C-alpha atoms as a PDB file:
ATOM      1  CA  MET A   1     -70.476 -72.779 -63.052  1.00  0.00           C
ATOM      2  CA  LYS A   2     -70.713 -69.090 -63.121  1.00  0.00           C
ATOM      3  CA  GLU A   3     -73.298 -67.487 -60.918  1.00  0.00           C
ATOM      4  CA  PRO A   4     -75.976 -66.174 -61.294  1.00  0.00           C
ATOM      5  CA  TYR A   5     -77.866 -66.852 -64.494  1.00  0.00           C
ATOM      6  CA  SER A   6     -80.491 -64.448 -65.617  1.00  0.00           C
ATOM      7  CA  GLU A   7     -83.819 -65.477 -67.045  1.00  0.00           C
ATOM      8  CA  THR A   8     -82.899 -63.861 -70.345  1.00  0.00           C
ATOM      9  CA  GLU A   9     -79.721 -65.897 -70.841  1.00  0.00           C
ATOM     10  CA  PRO A  10     -80.115 -68.699 -73.381  1.00  0.00           C
ATOM     11  CA  ILE A  11     -80.523 -72.133 -71.839  1.00  0.00           C
ATOM     12  CA  HIS A  12     -77.966 -73.670 -74.205  1.00  0.00           C
ATOM     13  CA  ARG A  13     -75.190 -71.736 -72.439  1.00  0.00           C
ATOM     14  CA  LEU A  14     -76.205 -73.226 -69.123  1.00  0.00           C
ATOM     15  CA  TRP A  15     -76.270 -76.721 -70.646  1.00  0.00           C
ATOM     16  CA  GLU A  16     -72.876 -76.191 -72.309  1.00  0.00           C
ATOM     17  CA  GLU A  17     -71.331 -75.334 -68.976  1.00  0.00           C
ATOM     18  CA  ILE A  18     -72.994 -78.280 -67.240  1.00  0.00           C
ATOM     19  CA  GLU A  19     -71.824 -80.661 -69.983  1.00  0.00           C
ATOM     20  CA  LYS A  20     -68.319 -79.239 -69.800  1.00  0.00           C
ATOM     21  CA  LYS A  21     -68.167 -79.831 -66.061  1.00  0.00           C
ATOM     22  CA  TYR A  22     -70.030 -83.136 -65.826  1.00  0.00           C
ATOM     23  CA  GLY A  23     -70.081 -84.416 -69.402  1.00  0.00           C
ATOM     24  CA  VAL A  24     -69.793 -88.074 -70.345  1.00  0.00           C
ATOM     25  CA  SER A  25     -66.342 -87.642 -71.869  1.00  0.00           C
ATOM     26  CA  ASN A  26     -65.048 -86.075 -68.636  1.00  0.00           C
ATOM     27  CA  VAL A  27     -66.424 -88.928 -66.553  1.00  0.00           C
ATOM     28  CA  THR A  28     -64.920 -91.449 -68.974  1.00  0.00           C
ATOM     29  CA  THR A  29     -61.528 -89.742 -68.763  1.00  0.00           C
ATOM     30  CA  MET A  30     -61.579 -89.888 -64.965  1.00  0.00           C
ATOM     31  CA  LYS A  31     -62.748 -93.520 -64.869  1.00  0.00           C
ATOM     32  CA  THR A  32     -60.104 -94.594 -67.379  1.00  0.00           C
ATOM     33  CA  ALA A  33     -57.308 -92.880 -65.465  1.00  0.00           C
ATOM     34  CA  THR A  34     -58.503 -94.330 -62.142  1.00  0.00           C
ATOM     35  CA  ARG A  35     -58.702 -97.847 -63.590  1.00  0.00           C
ATOM     36  CA  LYS A  36     -55.176 -97.437 -64.924  1.00  0.00           C
ATOM     37  CA  LEU A  37     -54.009 -96.464 -61.422  1.00  0.00           C
ATOM     38  CA  MET A  38     -55.499 -99.676 -60.013  1.00  0.00           C
ATOM     39  CA  ARG A  39     -54.013-101.804 -62.833  1.00  0.00           C
ATOM     40  CA  VAL A  40     -50.557-100.383 -62.131  1.00  0.00           C
ATOM     41  CA  ALA A  41     -50.951-101.213 -58.439  1.00  0.00           C
ATOM     42  CA  ASP A  42     -52.144-104.763 -59.151  1.00  0.00           C
ATOM     43  CA  GLY A  43     -49.663-105.380 -61.954  1.00  0.00           C
ATOM     44  CA  ASP A  44     -46.070-106.521 -61.873  1.00  0.00           C
ATOM     45  CA  PHE A  45     -43.378-103.995 -60.991  1.00  0.00           C
ATOM     46  CA  GLN A  46     -39.595-104.057 -61.181  1.00  0.00           C
ATOM     47  CA  SER A  47     -39.112-102.292 -57.849  1.00  0.00           C
ATOM     48  CA  VAL A  48     -41.102-100.453 -55.204  1.00  0.00           C
ATOM     49  CA  GLU A  49     -39.475 -97.254 -56.412  1.00  0.00           C
ATOM     50  CA  ALA A  50     -40.811 -97.876 -59.944  1.00  0.00           C
ATOM     51  CA  LEU A  51     -44.268 -98.673 -58.544  1.00  0.00           C
ATOM     52  CA  LEU A  52     -44.344 -95.473 -56.484  1.00  0.00           C
ATOM     53  CA  GLY A  53     -43.111 -93.429 -59.444  1.00  0.00           C
ATOM     54  CA  GLY A  54     -45.792 -94.817 -61.747  1.00  0.00           C
ATOM     55  CA  LEU A  55     -48.532 -94.265 -59.192  1.00  0.00           C
ATOM     56  CA  ARG A  56     -47.401 -90.705 -58.493  1.00  0.00           C
ATOM     57  CA  ALA A  57     -47.399 -89.882 -62.223  1.00  0.00           C
ATOM     58  CA  LEU A  58     -50.959 -91.200 -62.513  1.00  0.00           C
ATOM     59  CA  LYS A  59     -51.961 -89.297 -59.368  1.00  0.00           C
ATOM     60  CA  TYR A  60     -50.811 -86.020 -60.926  1.00  0.00           C
ATOM     61  CA  SER A  61     -52.619 -86.834 -64.175  1.00  0.00           C
ATOM     62  CA  ILE A  62     -55.871 -87.722 -62.410  1.00  0.00           C
ATOM     63  CA  ASN A  63     -55.686 -84.702 -60.121  1.00  0.00           C
ATOM     64  CA  SER A  64     -55.057 -82.324 -63.027  1.00  0.00           C
ATOM     65  CA  HIS A  65     -58.284 -83.566 -64.641  1.00  0.00           C
ATOM     66  CA  SER A  66     -60.196 -83.472 -61.365  1.00  0.00           C
ATOM     67  CA  GLN A  67     -59.014 -79.914 -60.686  1.00  0.00           C
ATOM     68  CA  LYS A  68     -60.264 -78.927 -64.110  1.00  0.00           C
ATOM     69  CA  TYR A  69     -63.650 -80.626 -63.765  1.00  0.00           C
ATOM     70  CA  LEU A  70     -64.339 -80.793 -60.024  1.00  0.00           C
ATOM     71  CA  LYS A  71     -62.078 -78.036 -58.649  1.00  0.00           C
ATOM     72  CA  ARG A  72     -60.422 -80.452 -56.199  1.00  0.00           C
ATOM     73  CA  ASP A  73     -57.934 -83.330 -56.009  1.00  0.00           C
ATOM     74  CA  VAL A  74     -59.372 -86.833 -55.802  1.00  0.00           C
ATOM     75  CA  VAL A  75     -56.184 -88.889 -55.295  1.00  0.00           C
ATOM     76  CA  SER A  76     -54.176 -88.126 -52.161  1.00  0.00           C
ATOM     77  CA  ASP A  77     -50.732 -89.252 -51.047  1.00  0.00           C
ATOM     78  CA  ASP A  78     -52.443 -91.224 -48.274  1.00  0.00           C
ATOM     79  CA  LEU A  79     -54.479 -93.138 -50.848  1.00  0.00           C
ATOM     80  CA  LEU A  80     -51.316 -93.997 -52.801  1.00  0.00           C
ATOM     81  CA  ILE A  81     -49.610 -95.284 -49.656  1.00  0.00           C
ATOM     82  CA  LEU A  82     -52.638 -97.421 -48.810  1.00  0.00           C
ATOM     83  CA  VAL A  83     -52.702 -98.809 -52.361  1.00  0.00           C
ATOM     84  CA  VAL A  84     -49.009 -99.713 -52.109  1.00  0.00           C
ATOM     85  CA  LEU A  85     -49.450-101.227 -48.644  1.00  0.00           C
ATOM     86  CA  GLY A  86     -52.294-103.295 -50.079  1.00  0.00           C
ATOM     87  CA  VAL A  87     -50.011-105.040 -52.582  1.00  0.00           C
ATOM     88  CA  LEU A  88     -47.003-105.542 -50.314  1.00  0.00           C
ATOM     89  CA  PRO A  89     -46.734-108.430 -47.831  1.00  0.00           C
ATOM     90  CA  SER A  90     -47.790-107.350 -44.368  1.00  0.00           C
ATOM     91  CA  GLN A  91     -45.171-109.373 -42.448  1.00  0.00           C
ATOM     92  CA  ARG A  92     -42.479-107.002 -43.715  1.00  0.00           C
ATOM     93  CA  LEU A  93     -44.350-103.911 -42.580  1.00  0.00           C
ATOM     94  CA  TRP A  94     -45.997-104.855 -39.297  1.00  0.00           C
ATOM     95  CA  GLY A  95     -43.296-104.911 -36.674  1.00  0.00           C
ATOM     96  CA  ALA A  96     -43.994-106.040 -33.149  1.00  0.00           C
ATOM     97  CA  ASN A  97     -44.437-102.485 -31.872  1.00  0.00           C
ATOM     98  CA  ARG A  98     -46.204-100.926 -34.854  1.00  0.00           C
ATOM     99  CA  THR A  99     -49.849-100.067 -35.092  1.00  0.00           C
ATOM    100  CA  ALA A 100     -51.726 -99.513 -38.338  1.00  0.00           C
ATOM    101  CA  HIS A 101     -51.483 -95.744 -37.826  1.00  0.00           C
ATOM    102  CA  GLY A 102     -47.759 -96.014 -37.168  1.00  0.00           C
ATOM    103  CA  VAL A 103     -47.116 -97.930 -40.371  1.00  0.00           C
ATOM    104  CA  VAL A 104     -48.915 -95.357 -42.491  1.00  0.00           C
ATOM    105  CA  SER A 105     -47.086 -92.548 -40.688  1.00  0.00           C
ATOM    106  CA  ASP A 106     -43.739 -94.311 -41.061  1.00  0.00           C
ATOM    107  CA  CYS A 107     -44.269 -95.025 -44.746  1.00  0.00           C
ATOM    108  CA  ARG A 108     -45.210 -91.553 -45.882  1.00  0.00           C
ATOM    109  CA  ARG A 109     -41.768 -91.094 -47.326  1.00  0.00           C
ATOM    110  CA  ARG A 110     -40.871 -93.103 -50.402  1.00  0.00           C
ATOM    111  CA  GLY A 111     -37.417 -93.817 -49.033  1.00  0.00           C
ATOM    112  CA  GLU A 112     -38.748 -95.886 -46.157  1.00  0.00           C
ATOM    113  CA  LEU A 113     -40.692 -98.279 -48.370  1.00  0.00           C
ATOM    114  CA  ILE A 114     -37.758 -98.510 -50.732  1.00  0.00           C
ATOM    115  CA  GLY A 115     -35.510 -99.171 -47.732  1.00  0.00           C
ATOM    116  CA  ILE A 116     -37.719-102.052 -46.599  1.00  0.00           C
ATOM    117  CA  PHE A 117     -37.969-103.742 -49.998  1.00  0.00           C
ATOM    118  CA  GLY A 118     -34.879-102.481 -51.815  1.00  0.00           C
ATOM    119  CA  SER A 119     -34.922-102.989 -55.567  1.00  0.00           C
ATOM    120  CA  LYS A 120     -36.871-106.247 -55.404  1.00  0.00           C
ATOM    121  CA  SER A 121     -39.541-106.910 -58.011  1.00  0.00           C
ATOM    122  CA  LYS A 122     -43.099-107.850 -57.115  1.00  0.00           C
ATOM    123  CA  ARG A 123     -42.281-111.519 -57.777  1.00  0.00           C
ATOM    124  CA  ASP A 124     -39.317-111.378 -55.369  1.00  0.00           C
ATOM    125  CA  ILE A 125     -41.366-109.613 -52.695  1.00  0.00           C
ATOM    126  CA  ILE A 126     -44.242-112.097 -52.974  1.00  0.00           C
ATOM    127  CA  GLY A 127     -41.663-114.899 -52.744  1.00  0.00           C
ATOM    128  CA  MET A 128     -40.360-113.388 -49.500  1.00  0.00           C
ATOM    129  CA  ASP A 129     -43.923-113.343 -48.173  1.00  0.00           C
ATOM    130  CA  GLN A 130     -44.592-116.976 -49.123  1.00  0.00           C
ATOM    131  CA  SER A 131     -41.329-118.065 -47.531  1.00  0.00           C
ATOM    132  CA  ALA A 132     -42.236-116.281 -44.289  1.00  0.00           C
ATOM    133  CA  THR A 133     -45.740-117.784 -44.365  1.00  0.00           C
ATOM    134  CA  SER A 134     -44.451-121.334 -44.820  1.00  0.00           C
ATOM    135  CA  LYS A 135     -42.001-120.860 -41.932  1.00  0.00           C
ATOM    136  CA  VAL A 136     -44.801-119.618 -39.685  1.00  0.00           C
ATOM    137  CA  ALA A 137     -47.053-122.493 -40.757  1.00  0.00           C
ATOM    138  CA  GLY A 138     -44.244-124.970 -39.985  1.00  0.00           C
ATOM    139  CA  GLN A 139     -43.785-123.512 -36.503  1.00  0.00           C
ATOM    140  CA  SER A 140     -47.531-123.694 -35.906  1.00  0.00           C
ATOM    141  CA  HIS A 141     -47.575-127.342 -37.000  1.00  0.00           C
ATOM    142  CA  ARG A 142     -44.690-128.201 -34.651  1.00  0.00           C
ATOM    143  CA  ALA A 143     -46.427-126.396 -31.784  1.00  0.00           C
ATOM    144  CA  THR A 144     -49.590-128.435 -32.391  1.00  0.00           C
ATOM    145  CA  GLN A 145     -47.582-131.673 -32.366  1.00  0.00           C
ATOM    146  CA  LEU A 146     -45.904-130.620 -29.118  1.00  0.00           C
ATOM    147  CA  HIS A 147     -49.270-129.892 -27.473  1.00  0.00           C
ATOM    148  CA  ARG A 148     -50.664-133.240 -28.619  1.00  0.00           C
ATOM    149  CA  GLY A 149     -47.642-135.006 -27.138  1.00  0.00           C
ATOM    150  CA  GLN A 150     -48.153-133.233 -23.811  1.00  0.00           C
ATOM    151  CA  TRP A 151     -51.835-134.147 -23.784  1.00  0.00           C
ATOM    152  CA  LYS A 152     -51.061-137.824 -24.421  1.00  0.00           C
ATOM    153  CA  ALA A 153     -48.425-137.802 -21.670  1.00  0.00           C
ATOM    154  CA  LYS A 154     -51.094-136.571 -19.240  1.00  0.00           C
ATOM    155  CA  GLY A 155     -53.464-139.336 -20.331  1.00  0.00           C
ATOM    156  CA  LEU A 156     -55.631-137.014 -22.401  1.00  0.00           C
ATOM    157  CA  GLY A 157     -56.653-138.022 -25.871  1.00  0.00           C
ATOM    158  CA  LEU A 158     -57.691-135.950 -28.814  1.00  0.00           C
ATOM    159  CA  ARG A 159     -61.071-136.086 -30.396  1.00  0.00           C
ATOM    160  CA  ASN A 160     -61.507-134.139 -33.611  1.00  0.00           C
ATOM    161  CA  GLY A 161     -58.280-132.322 -32.809  1.00  0.00           C
ATOM    162  CA  SER A 162     -59.460-130.847 -29.514  1.00  0.00           C
ATOM    163  CA  PRO A 163     -58.014-131.660 -26.104  1.00  0.00           C
ATOM    164  CA  GLY A 164     -60.022-132.606 -23.085  1.00  0.00           C
ATOM    165  CA  GLU A 165     -61.306-136.090 -23.870  1.00  0.00           C
ATOM    166  CA  TRP A 166     -59.993-139.050 -21.864  1.00  0.00           C
ATOM    167  CA  SER A 167     -58.135-141.705 -23.815  1.00  0.00           C
END
């Protein structure tokens, strides 16, 4: 809003400026664009590159509106990366020596995410995640069986799946 207003200036000018800046149609435009951003992130994608491209286009659209109405950007590159990381399987991103901060820092560049996932679609990436999960679950099951065998060999029984009870 322009500053200052005099007491002699008509009130309708003040209200026009307030409505222009905070009007219902402006809020609706921002909400619609933000919802679309979230739908793109949650939806199916042909590749990570296509997902990032779609999200970046929406980011620029949302930020152009927010600059006009709020005089600032509301969608940052960091937010886009976090949205993308939220839909991708974590096993592919979290290496043994990576912290949460390191992953975000490493993934700032589009090329790194594309390098991790290639041109795989969301369905392919989720399939990779489920395959890794079932392998981990199988190893966990085998480890439990091994521990139970060791407990029985020592004369320990299991009660409700917990060691420590005598047979």
